[in-house]
Protein backbone atom coordinates (compact mmCIF):
# COMPACT_ATOMS: atom_id res chain seq x y z
CA MET A 1 88.68 119.53 62.31
CA ASN A 2 87.29 116.82 60.06
CA ILE A 3 87.75 113.21 61.12
CA GLU A 4 87.51 111.86 57.57
CA ASN A 5 90.30 114.16 56.37
CA SER A 6 92.39 113.25 59.40
CA LEU A 7 91.99 109.52 58.73
CA LYS A 8 92.97 110.09 55.13
CA LYS A 9 96.12 111.99 56.14
CA LEU A 10 96.98 109.11 58.47
CA GLY A 11 96.65 106.65 55.58
CA LEU A 12 93.50 105.05 56.97
CA SER A 13 89.98 104.67 55.67
CA SER A 14 86.84 104.74 57.79
CA HIS A 15 86.13 101.06 57.24
CA ASN A 16 88.02 97.88 57.99
CA ILE A 17 90.90 99.91 59.32
CA GLY A 18 92.53 96.91 60.92
CA THR A 19 93.73 95.42 57.64
CA SER A 20 95.78 98.41 56.51
CA THR A 21 98.94 98.17 58.54
CA GLY A 22 100.86 95.32 56.98
CA SER A 23 101.82 91.86 58.20
CA ASN A 24 103.16 93.09 61.54
CA TYR A 25 99.52 93.43 62.55
CA PHE A 26 97.91 89.99 62.25
CA SER A 27 94.14 90.29 62.55
CA ASN A 28 91.87 87.44 61.51
CA GLY A 29 89.45 87.47 64.44
CA ASP A 30 86.05 89.05 64.85
CA SER A 31 85.70 92.74 64.14
CA ILE A 32 85.18 95.35 66.83
CA SER A 33 83.76 98.76 66.05
CA SER A 34 85.03 102.01 67.49
CA TYR A 35 82.30 104.50 68.36
CA SER A 36 83.18 108.08 69.19
CA PRO A 37 81.87 109.34 72.55
CA VAL A 38 81.69 112.76 70.89
CA ASP A 39 78.65 111.99 68.72
CA GLY A 40 78.08 108.25 69.08
CA LYS A 41 79.01 107.56 65.46
CA GLU A 42 81.06 104.59 64.30
CA ILE A 43 84.53 105.66 63.20
CA GLY A 44 85.66 102.31 61.83
CA THR A 45 86.15 98.65 62.54
CA VAL A 46 89.25 96.74 63.57
CA SER A 47 89.82 93.02 63.27
CA THR A 48 90.81 91.34 66.52
CA THR A 49 93.76 89.03 67.06
CA THR A 50 93.22 85.29 67.36
CA HIS A 51 95.59 83.06 69.31
CA GLU A 52 97.01 81.79 66.03
CA ASP A 53 97.54 85.39 64.91
CA TYR A 54 99.21 86.15 68.21
CA ASN A 55 101.77 83.38 67.80
CA LYS A 56 102.64 84.76 64.39
CA VAL A 57 103.12 88.18 65.95
CA VAL A 58 105.49 86.82 68.59
CA GLU A 59 107.43 84.80 66.01
CA SER A 60 107.80 87.96 63.93
CA ALA A 61 108.99 89.88 66.99
CA GLN A 62 111.45 87.15 68.00
CA SER A 63 112.98 87.14 64.56
CA ALA A 64 113.24 90.92 64.46
CA PHE A 65 114.86 91.05 67.91
CA LYS A 66 117.77 88.86 66.81
CA TYR A 67 118.65 91.51 64.24
CA TRP A 68 117.61 94.68 66.07
CA ARG A 69 119.74 93.95 69.16
CA THR A 70 122.88 93.92 67.00
CA ILE A 71 122.28 97.43 65.67
CA PRO A 72 124.30 100.06 67.60
CA ALA A 73 122.13 102.05 69.96
CA PRO A 74 122.74 105.42 68.21
CA GLN A 75 121.52 103.86 64.96
CA ARG A 76 118.42 102.62 66.75
CA GLY A 77 118.03 106.19 67.99
CA GLU A 78 118.05 107.38 64.39
CA ILE A 79 114.92 105.34 63.69
CA VAL A 80 113.24 106.88 66.73
CA ARG A 81 114.29 110.32 65.47
CA GLN A 82 112.58 109.62 62.16
CA PHE A 83 109.48 108.47 64.02
CA GLY A 84 109.43 111.71 66.02
CA ASN A 85 109.76 113.78 62.86
CA LYS A 86 106.89 111.93 61.21
CA LEU A 87 104.78 112.60 64.30
CA ARG A 88 105.55 116.30 63.87
CA GLU A 89 104.19 116.12 60.32
CA LEU A 90 101.06 114.27 61.41
CA LYS A 91 100.49 116.00 64.75
CA ASP A 92 97.21 117.66 63.76
CA PRO A 93 95.44 114.65 62.17
CA LEU A 94 96.62 112.28 64.91
CA GLY A 95 95.54 114.82 67.53
CA VAL A 96 92.10 114.97 65.91
CA LEU A 97 91.80 111.17 65.97
CA VAL A 98 92.86 111.03 69.63
CA SER A 99 90.32 113.71 70.51
CA TYR A 100 87.47 112.19 68.50
CA GLU A 101 87.99 108.55 69.48
CA MET A 102 88.77 109.16 73.17
CA GLY A 103 86.77 112.33 73.81
CA LYS A 104 89.46 114.64 75.23
CA SER A 105 89.71 118.22 74.00
CA PHE A 106 91.55 118.84 70.75
CA GLN A 107 94.29 120.76 72.58
CA GLU A 108 94.76 117.78 74.88
CA GLY A 109 94.87 115.52 71.83
CA LEU A 110 97.62 117.68 70.36
CA GLY A 111 99.35 117.68 73.74
CA GLU A 112 99.33 113.90 73.80
CA VAL A 113 100.99 113.73 70.39
CA GLN A 114 103.51 116.31 71.61
CA GLU A 115 104.34 113.96 74.48
CA MET A 116 105.14 111.33 71.87
CA ILE A 117 107.44 113.75 70.09
CA ASP A 118 109.11 114.73 73.36
CA ILE A 119 109.81 111.14 74.42
CA CYS A 120 111.30 110.48 70.98
CA ASP A 121 113.65 113.42 71.45
CA PHE A 122 114.56 112.15 74.91
CA ALA A 123 115.17 108.63 73.60
CA VAL A 124 117.34 109.84 70.73
CA GLY A 125 119.69 111.57 73.15
CA LEU A 126 119.59 108.60 75.50
CA SER A 127 120.63 106.26 72.69
CA ARG A 128 124.15 107.73 73.02
CA GLN A 129 124.17 107.54 76.81
CA LEU A 130 123.19 103.99 77.74
CA HIS A 131 125.79 103.43 80.43
CA GLY A 132 127.09 100.86 82.84
CA LEU A 133 129.44 101.11 85.79
CA THR A 134 133.10 100.24 86.34
CA MET A 135 134.48 99.24 89.73
CA HIS A 136 137.70 98.03 91.34
CA SER A 137 138.18 94.30 91.83
CA GLU A 138 139.53 92.88 95.08
CA ARG A 139 141.77 90.63 92.98
CA PRO A 140 144.94 92.06 91.40
CA GLY A 141 145.03 92.04 87.64
CA HIS A 142 141.25 91.96 87.35
CA ARG A 143 138.72 94.49 86.08
CA MET A 144 135.02 94.55 86.88
CA TYR A 145 132.19 96.40 85.20
CA GLU A 146 128.45 96.29 84.67
CA GLN A 147 126.61 96.66 81.40
CA TYR A 148 123.04 96.52 80.16
CA HIS A 149 121.72 94.35 77.34
CA PRO A 150 118.33 94.30 75.59
CA LEU A 151 115.66 92.16 77.23
CA GLY A 152 113.87 90.94 74.13
CA ILE A 153 110.15 91.42 73.52
CA VAL A 154 108.38 94.08 75.57
CA GLY A 155 104.63 93.63 75.88
CA ILE A 156 102.72 96.90 76.27
CA ILE A 157 99.13 97.07 77.54
CA SER A 158 97.75 100.61 77.40
CA ALA A 159 94.54 102.29 78.57
CA PHE A 160 91.94 104.36 76.72
CA ASN A 161 92.62 107.67 78.44
CA PHE A 162 96.04 108.13 76.80
CA PRO A 163 95.62 106.02 73.68
CA VAL A 164 98.98 106.94 72.08
CA ALA A 165 101.29 108.69 74.58
CA VAL A 166 101.77 105.86 77.07
CA TRP A 167 102.63 103.43 74.29
CA SER A 168 105.28 105.85 73.03
CA TRP A 169 106.74 106.30 76.52
CA ASN A 170 107.43 102.60 76.56
CA THR A 171 108.27 101.85 72.98
CA ALA A 172 110.63 104.77 72.29
CA LEU A 173 112.81 103.70 75.23
CA ALA A 174 112.47 100.00 74.51
CA TRP A 175 113.53 100.50 70.89
CA ILE A 176 116.70 102.42 71.70
CA CYS A 177 117.50 99.77 74.31
CA GLY A 178 117.41 97.17 71.54
CA ASP A 179 114.05 95.61 72.39
CA VAL A 180 111.09 94.97 70.11
CA CYS A 181 107.52 95.66 71.15
CA VAL A 182 104.09 94.04 71.02
CA TRP A 183 101.29 96.48 71.82
CA LYS A 184 97.83 95.60 73.09
CA PRO A 185 95.83 98.88 73.24
CA SER A 186 92.47 99.43 74.89
CA GLU A 187 89.59 97.99 72.90
CA LYS A 188 87.86 101.34 73.49
CA THR A 189 90.40 103.25 71.36
CA PRO A 190 91.74 100.78 68.78
CA LEU A 191 91.98 103.16 65.82
CA CYS A 192 94.61 105.33 67.47
CA SER A 193 96.82 102.26 67.81
CA VAL A 194 96.38 101.34 64.16
CA ALA A 195 97.32 104.87 63.10
CA CYS A 196 100.51 104.76 65.21
CA GLN A 197 101.38 101.30 63.96
CA LYS A 198 101.08 102.43 60.36
CA ILE A 199 103.38 105.40 60.98
CA ILE A 200 106.18 103.28 62.45
CA ALA A 201 105.60 100.44 59.96
CA ASP A 202 106.22 102.85 57.07
CA ILE A 203 109.45 104.08 58.70
CA LEU A 204 110.71 100.54 59.28
CA LYS A 205 109.99 99.69 55.66
CA GLU A 206 111.79 102.80 54.40
CA ASN A 207 114.87 101.76 56.40
CA ASN A 208 114.74 98.08 55.34
CA LEU A 209 114.20 96.97 58.92
CA PRO A 210 112.14 93.99 60.11
CA GLU A 211 108.45 94.70 60.64
CA GLY A 212 108.48 92.78 63.89
CA ILE A 213 110.31 95.59 65.68
CA SER A 214 106.84 97.03 66.27
CA CYS A 215 103.81 94.75 66.48
CA LEU A 216 100.16 95.33 67.29
CA ILE A 217 97.43 93.08 68.62
CA ASN A 218 93.84 94.19 69.19
CA GLY A 219 90.94 92.80 71.18
CA ASP A 220 89.61 92.54 74.72
CA TYR A 221 91.36 91.43 77.92
CA LYS A 222 91.67 87.86 76.61
CA VAL A 223 94.12 89.08 73.98
CA GLY A 224 96.14 90.77 76.71
CA GLU A 225 96.27 87.46 78.57
CA TYR A 226 98.15 85.94 75.66
CA MET A 227 101.06 88.21 76.57
CA THR A 228 100.88 88.05 80.35
CA LYS A 229 101.11 84.25 80.29
CA ASP A 230 103.78 84.06 77.56
CA LYS A 231 107.30 83.19 78.74
CA ARG A 232 108.64 84.53 75.46
CA ILE A 233 107.86 88.05 76.68
CA PRO A 234 110.19 88.94 79.59
CA LEU A 235 108.59 92.32 80.41
CA ILE A 236 104.95 93.38 80.51
CA SER A 237 104.28 97.10 80.88
CA ALA A 238 100.63 97.56 81.83
CA THR A 239 98.65 100.74 82.37
CA GLY A 240 95.11 100.57 83.76
CA SER A 241 93.11 99.92 86.89
CA THR A 242 94.54 98.50 90.09
CA ARG A 243 92.28 95.47 89.68
CA MET A 244 93.75 94.79 86.24
CA GLY A 245 97.29 95.39 87.46
CA LYS A 246 97.00 92.85 90.24
CA ILE A 247 95.92 90.22 87.73
CA VAL A 248 98.80 91.09 85.41
CA ALA A 249 101.33 91.07 88.26
CA SER A 250 100.11 87.66 89.42
CA GLU A 251 100.27 86.12 85.95
CA VAL A 252 103.65 87.58 85.08
CA GLY A 253 105.11 86.86 88.51
CA ALA A 254 104.02 83.24 88.32
CA ARG A 255 106.37 82.78 85.37
CA LEU A 256 109.07 84.97 87.00
CA GLY A 257 108.69 87.65 84.38
CA LYS A 258 109.09 91.38 84.97
CA SER A 259 106.18 93.80 85.15
CA LEU A 260 106.04 97.58 84.95
CA LEU A 261 102.70 98.71 86.41
CA GLU A 262 101.08 102.14 86.12
CA LEU A 263 97.73 101.79 87.90
CA GLY A 264 95.15 103.80 89.81
CA GLY A 265 95.48 107.25 91.33
CA ASN A 266 93.49 109.12 93.98
CA ASN A 267 95.38 112.35 93.83
CA ALA A 268 95.12 115.25 96.25
CA ILE A 269 96.12 118.89 96.43
CA ILE A 270 96.79 120.22 99.92
CA VAL A 271 95.92 123.91 100.31
CA THR A 272 97.52 125.60 103.31
CA PRO A 273 96.79 129.07 104.74
CA ASP A 274 99.89 130.34 102.93
CA ALA A 275 98.63 129.24 99.48
CA ASP A 276 98.14 131.52 96.50
CA VAL A 277 94.39 131.07 95.98
CA LYS A 278 94.44 132.04 92.28
CA MET A 279 97.12 129.44 91.52
CA THR A 280 95.25 126.91 93.63
CA VAL A 281 92.05 127.38 91.64
CA MET A 282 93.84 127.05 88.32
CA GLY A 283 95.61 123.86 89.35
CA ALA A 284 92.57 122.31 90.98
CA VAL A 285 90.13 123.03 88.16
CA PHE A 286 92.40 121.82 85.37
CA GLY A 287 93.37 118.78 87.40
CA ALA A 288 89.77 117.87 88.18
CA VAL A 289 88.04 118.47 84.83
CA GLY A 290 90.83 117.96 82.28
CA THR A 291 90.18 114.89 80.12
CA ALA A 292 86.79 114.82 81.89
CA GLY A 293 88.50 113.56 85.04
CA GLN A 294 89.82 110.49 83.25
CA ARG A 295 93.54 110.95 83.85
CA CYS A 296 95.37 108.73 86.29
CA THR A 297 96.78 112.03 87.63
CA SER A 298 93.40 113.81 87.82
CA THR A 299 92.79 115.75 91.01
CA ARG A 300 90.21 113.84 93.06
CA ARG A 301 90.63 115.48 96.49
CA LEU A 302 91.19 119.08 97.56
CA ILE A 303 92.38 119.14 101.19
CA ILE A 304 91.87 122.71 102.43
CA HIS A 305 92.84 124.27 105.75
CA GLU A 306 89.83 125.44 107.76
CA ASP A 307 91.13 129.04 107.89
CA ILE A 308 90.78 129.50 104.12
CA TYR A 309 88.27 126.75 103.38
CA ASN A 310 85.33 129.03 102.54
CA GLU A 311 87.46 131.31 100.36
CA VAL A 312 88.95 128.47 98.34
CA ARG A 313 85.63 126.61 98.09
CA ASP A 314 83.81 129.67 96.77
CA ALA A 315 86.58 130.46 94.27
CA VAL A 316 86.59 126.93 92.87
CA VAL A 317 82.79 126.84 92.65
CA ASN A 318 82.80 130.16 90.81
CA ALA A 319 85.43 128.87 88.38
CA TYR A 320 83.26 125.85 87.58
CA LYS A 321 80.55 128.23 86.33
CA GLN A 322 82.85 129.17 83.46
CA ILE A 323 83.44 125.61 82.23
CA LYS A 324 82.07 124.88 78.77
CA ILE A 325 81.12 121.30 77.95
CA GLY A 326 80.70 120.03 74.42
CA ASN A 327 82.33 118.68 71.28
CA PRO A 328 86.04 118.48 72.13
CA LEU A 329 87.02 119.39 68.57
CA ASP A 330 85.46 122.81 69.19
CA GLN A 331 88.28 124.67 70.89
CA SER A 332 85.89 126.93 72.78
CA ASN A 333 84.89 123.93 74.93
CA HIS A 334 86.93 122.92 77.97
CA VAL A 335 85.47 119.47 78.65
CA GLY A 336 84.37 116.72 76.29
CA PRO A 337 82.56 113.46 76.97
CA VAL A 338 83.59 110.56 79.15
CA ILE A 339 84.62 107.47 77.22
CA ASP A 340 81.31 105.56 77.18
CA LYS A 341 78.01 104.97 78.96
CA LEU A 342 79.63 102.59 81.44
CA ALA A 343 81.72 105.55 82.58
CA VAL A 344 78.56 107.66 82.82
CA ASP A 345 76.98 105.03 85.05
CA MET A 346 80.06 104.90 87.30
CA TYR A 347 79.98 108.70 87.58
CA SER A 348 76.28 108.74 88.52
CA LYS A 349 76.69 106.01 91.13
CA ALA A 350 79.62 107.86 92.72
CA LEU A 351 77.49 110.99 93.15
CA ASP A 352 74.69 108.93 94.69
CA LYS A 353 77.18 107.27 97.01
CA VAL A 354 78.68 110.48 98.35
CA VAL A 355 75.20 111.73 99.23
CA GLU A 356 74.36 108.40 100.92
CA GLU A 357 77.49 108.76 103.06
CA GLY A 358 76.50 112.25 104.18
CA GLY A 359 78.31 114.41 101.65
CA ASN A 360 77.04 117.73 100.34
CA ILE A 361 77.05 118.32 96.59
CA ILE A 362 77.77 122.00 96.01
CA VAL A 363 78.18 121.89 92.23
CA GLU A 364 75.46 119.69 90.81
CA GLY A 365 76.36 116.93 88.41
CA GLY A 366 74.17 115.15 85.91
CA VAL A 367 74.08 113.75 82.41
CA LEU A 368 73.61 116.29 79.62
CA GLU A 369 70.95 115.74 76.99
CA GLY A 370 69.76 117.46 73.84
CA GLU A 371 71.48 118.88 70.78
CA GLY A 372 75.21 118.21 70.77
CA TYR A 373 74.95 115.60 73.51
CA GLU A 374 73.34 112.79 71.52
CA SER A 375 76.02 110.25 72.43
CA GLY A 376 74.81 110.24 76.03
CA CYS A 377 78.40 110.50 77.28
CA TYR A 378 78.49 114.13 78.41
CA VAL A 379 78.37 114.79 82.15
CA LYS A 380 78.66 117.89 84.30
CA PRO A 381 81.81 118.25 86.41
CA ALA A 382 80.64 118.08 90.03
CA ILE A 383 82.00 119.14 93.40
CA ALA A 384 81.06 117.54 96.72
CA GLU A 385 81.99 118.42 100.28
CA ALA A 386 82.96 115.18 101.97
CA LYS A 387 85.00 113.61 104.73
CA PRO A 388 88.30 111.76 104.25
CA ASP A 389 86.97 108.45 105.56
CA PHE A 390 84.02 108.23 103.14
CA HIS A 391 84.29 104.97 101.24
CA ILE A 392 83.71 106.71 97.90
CA VAL A 393 86.48 109.21 98.67
CA GLN A 394 88.87 106.33 99.24
CA GLU A 395 88.16 104.99 95.74
CA GLU A 396 89.35 106.20 92.36
CA THR A 397 86.33 107.43 90.40
CA PHE A 398 87.38 107.91 86.79
CA ALA A 399 85.11 110.91 86.22
CA PRO A 400 85.02 114.69 86.83
CA ILE A 401 84.09 114.61 90.52
CA LEU A 402 86.11 116.68 93.00
CA TYR A 403 85.87 116.10 96.75
CA LEU A 404 86.54 119.01 99.12
CA LEU A 405 88.01 117.94 102.46
CA LYS A 406 88.72 120.20 105.43
CA TYR A 407 91.71 119.94 107.76
CA SER A 408 92.85 121.83 110.84
CA GLY A 409 96.16 122.24 112.61
CA PRO A 410 99.62 121.82 111.06
CA VAL A 411 100.32 120.66 107.51
CA THR A 412 101.28 117.22 108.83
CA ASN A 413 97.57 116.61 109.49
CA ALA A 414 96.80 117.29 105.82
CA ILE A 415 99.64 115.02 104.71
CA GLU A 416 98.20 112.24 106.86
CA ILE A 417 94.80 112.66 105.19
CA GLN A 418 96.40 112.67 101.75
CA ASN A 419 98.40 109.51 102.40
CA ASN A 420 95.47 107.64 103.95
CA VAL A 421 94.33 106.06 100.67
CA THR A 422 95.60 102.92 98.97
CA GLN A 423 96.77 104.73 95.84
CA GLY A 424 100.02 106.66 95.60
CA LEU A 425 100.52 108.27 92.20
CA SER A 426 100.48 112.09 92.18
CA SER A 427 100.21 114.72 94.90
CA ALA A 428 100.62 118.45 95.32
CA ILE A 429 100.75 121.18 97.93
CA MET A 430 99.88 124.84 97.45
CA THR A 431 101.90 126.96 99.87
CA ASN A 432 104.38 129.82 99.99
CA ASN A 433 105.70 128.52 103.28
CA LEU A 434 109.11 126.90 102.73
CA LYS A 435 108.86 124.77 105.86
CA GLU A 436 105.51 123.33 104.77
CA ALA A 437 106.84 122.58 101.30
CA GLU A 438 109.90 120.80 102.65
CA LYS A 439 107.83 118.74 105.09
CA PHE A 440 105.62 117.69 102.20
CA LEU A 441 108.65 116.57 100.19
CA SER A 442 110.45 114.86 103.08
CA ALA A 443 110.54 111.16 103.88
CA ALA A 444 107.70 111.76 106.33
CA GLY A 445 105.73 113.70 103.72
CA SER A 446 103.85 112.63 100.60
CA ASP A 447 104.03 108.88 99.95
CA CYS A 448 103.32 109.30 96.22
CA GLY A 449 105.66 108.78 93.31
CA ILE A 450 105.04 112.37 92.22
CA ALA A 451 104.99 115.25 94.70
CA ASN A 452 104.62 118.83 93.44
CA VAL A 453 104.80 122.24 95.09
CA ASN A 454 102.65 125.07 93.69
CA ILE A 455 101.64 123.04 90.67
CA GLY A 456 98.73 120.65 90.27
CA THR A 457 98.65 116.87 90.22
CA SER A 458 97.81 116.51 86.54
CA GLY A 459 100.47 116.05 83.91
CA ALA A 460 104.18 115.34 84.08
CA GLU A 461 107.35 116.28 82.22
CA ILE A 462 109.03 113.72 80.00
CA GLY A 463 112.41 114.18 81.71
CA GLY A 464 111.25 112.84 85.06
CA ALA A 465 110.40 109.25 85.90
CA PHE A 466 106.62 108.80 85.93
CA GLY A 467 104.84 106.42 88.28
CA GLY A 468 103.61 105.81 91.80
CA GLU A 469 103.64 103.63 94.88
CA LYS A 470 101.20 101.36 96.78
CA ASP A 471 98.20 100.37 94.63
CA THR A 472 99.60 102.46 91.78
CA GLY A 473 101.99 99.58 91.16
CA GLY A 474 105.48 100.96 91.74
CA GLY A 475 106.47 101.23 88.08
CA ARG A 476 108.40 104.05 86.46
CA GLU A 477 108.19 105.15 82.83
CA SER A 478 109.48 107.98 80.66
CA GLY A 479 112.51 109.95 81.90
CA SER A 480 115.39 109.72 84.38
CA ASP A 481 116.75 106.14 84.50
CA ALA A 482 113.43 104.46 83.68
CA TRP A 483 115.19 102.94 80.64
CA LYS A 484 116.86 100.34 82.87
CA ILE A 485 113.63 98.33 83.26
CA TYR A 486 113.79 97.54 79.54
CA MET A 487 117.23 95.95 79.80
CA ARG A 488 118.93 93.08 81.60
CA ARG A 489 121.86 93.85 83.87
CA GLN A 490 125.11 91.95 83.59
CA THR A 491 128.25 92.01 85.77
CA ASN A 492 131.52 91.25 83.98
CA THR A 493 134.95 90.37 85.40
CA ILE A 494 138.06 90.25 83.23
CA ASN A 495 141.27 88.54 84.39
CA TYR A 496 144.28 89.86 82.48
CA THR A 497 146.91 87.92 84.47
CA ASP A 498 148.41 84.44 83.99
CA ASP A 499 146.91 83.18 87.29
CA LEU A 500 143.42 82.19 88.36
CA PRO A 501 142.87 83.13 92.03
CA LEU A 502 139.89 81.26 93.50
CA ALA A 503 137.32 82.54 95.94
CA GLN A 504 137.85 82.14 99.71
CA GLY A 505 141.51 81.29 99.10
CA ILE A 506 140.73 77.79 97.84
CA LYS A 507 143.64 76.12 96.03
CA PHE A 508 143.76 73.27 93.53
CA ASP A 509 147.04 71.56 92.67
CA LEU A 510 146.58 70.95 88.96
């Protein structure tokens, strides 16, 4: 998989990439370079967005919205269908770019592009199903109903770990709802955003549609602040750390805007005595080391009943011996690098911290050096035996570190341990006991937005609403009725009589 060939197929060159997407990407600021964590090499440079550029972007989006909202939803769905088809054509080169710029395995890169295709398919069908509600009026000769209208501009702030999929989750739904989008990607993966922007820009041009339907801004957090403080943008959808989300929520809330937040996760798998150990190992290992532990749904904690603790621990440790670490474009490798050296430092400090708190590292970590690891971003997936109340266990460490926790007694004790963190994104239980599974899924069970039985914490299907509670932010993206956040709700009453009855029986003699 050659990155130069992939860039060429995506219509990009390996230099000054930020100027190639047309006027719906205004970029006159300083340049930022994207370095691959795979080999440390510079992939390309992207021009950042100045405040003057940003205002041009918003003006372009505002103008486009006035037209786009008048297009029937099924016709908007047709544009999304074309986008999905183009992604099918470019799945391999875009998957290579995702893998090389972010560091996830090539198969995961392809999987991320497939998520984009899947959400397009979902949105196309949804474009013919945007529905309201009719109801009976208490007044004779009146009809009441509810309907949904487009919001306007949707601001999207995405994170490095899913540099293309999360944007598509938002934008595919926003587009069929009649909204236009302004996207601020992570400054750690800017080239993926430029590639996506070029794909949709070409489709909009082919259909004689305004460029401002899809806009892109690049830069650091200061560029994101342009959107969070802008009253012209009614909805900000932000994916990232809890710390970042609290800042976004405060800024957007201060102007009475809407925010959709997808923030931190500290996800656990509960393993009961009735668990299938083979399935447990598969789910735990993939959840813990996939994307080098840099998914918001990564498995951080394995809560194992004391009766099978040694068996499960030994099986997981043995499975870790088979993990291959290296260039993610080599499909024989399971784990690639973490995103950058800051992530390496965070990983190393977390391992030091768990030892300081009395934990026992049973699969040694460490930074890999030598041939193939020149970027300095490759680390060994580690496993530590710990206790639930360790401070480091309570935190989200965005790295391949798995904490083994022991519980005794009924499954409710394990559920209490699982819930006793501030995050509430994904959770799972491994059991063949129906009663345990139902307790886990009950109102007194998992307090997470996602709760799985006999499947791991990592990953989610497009058809279900994705998101979590507590410090995860409470937002929902992707499937189910998540589309409603991108629209404004309106109640309508129609009087088809010759009289005007007033509320509370008030009468005017006119």
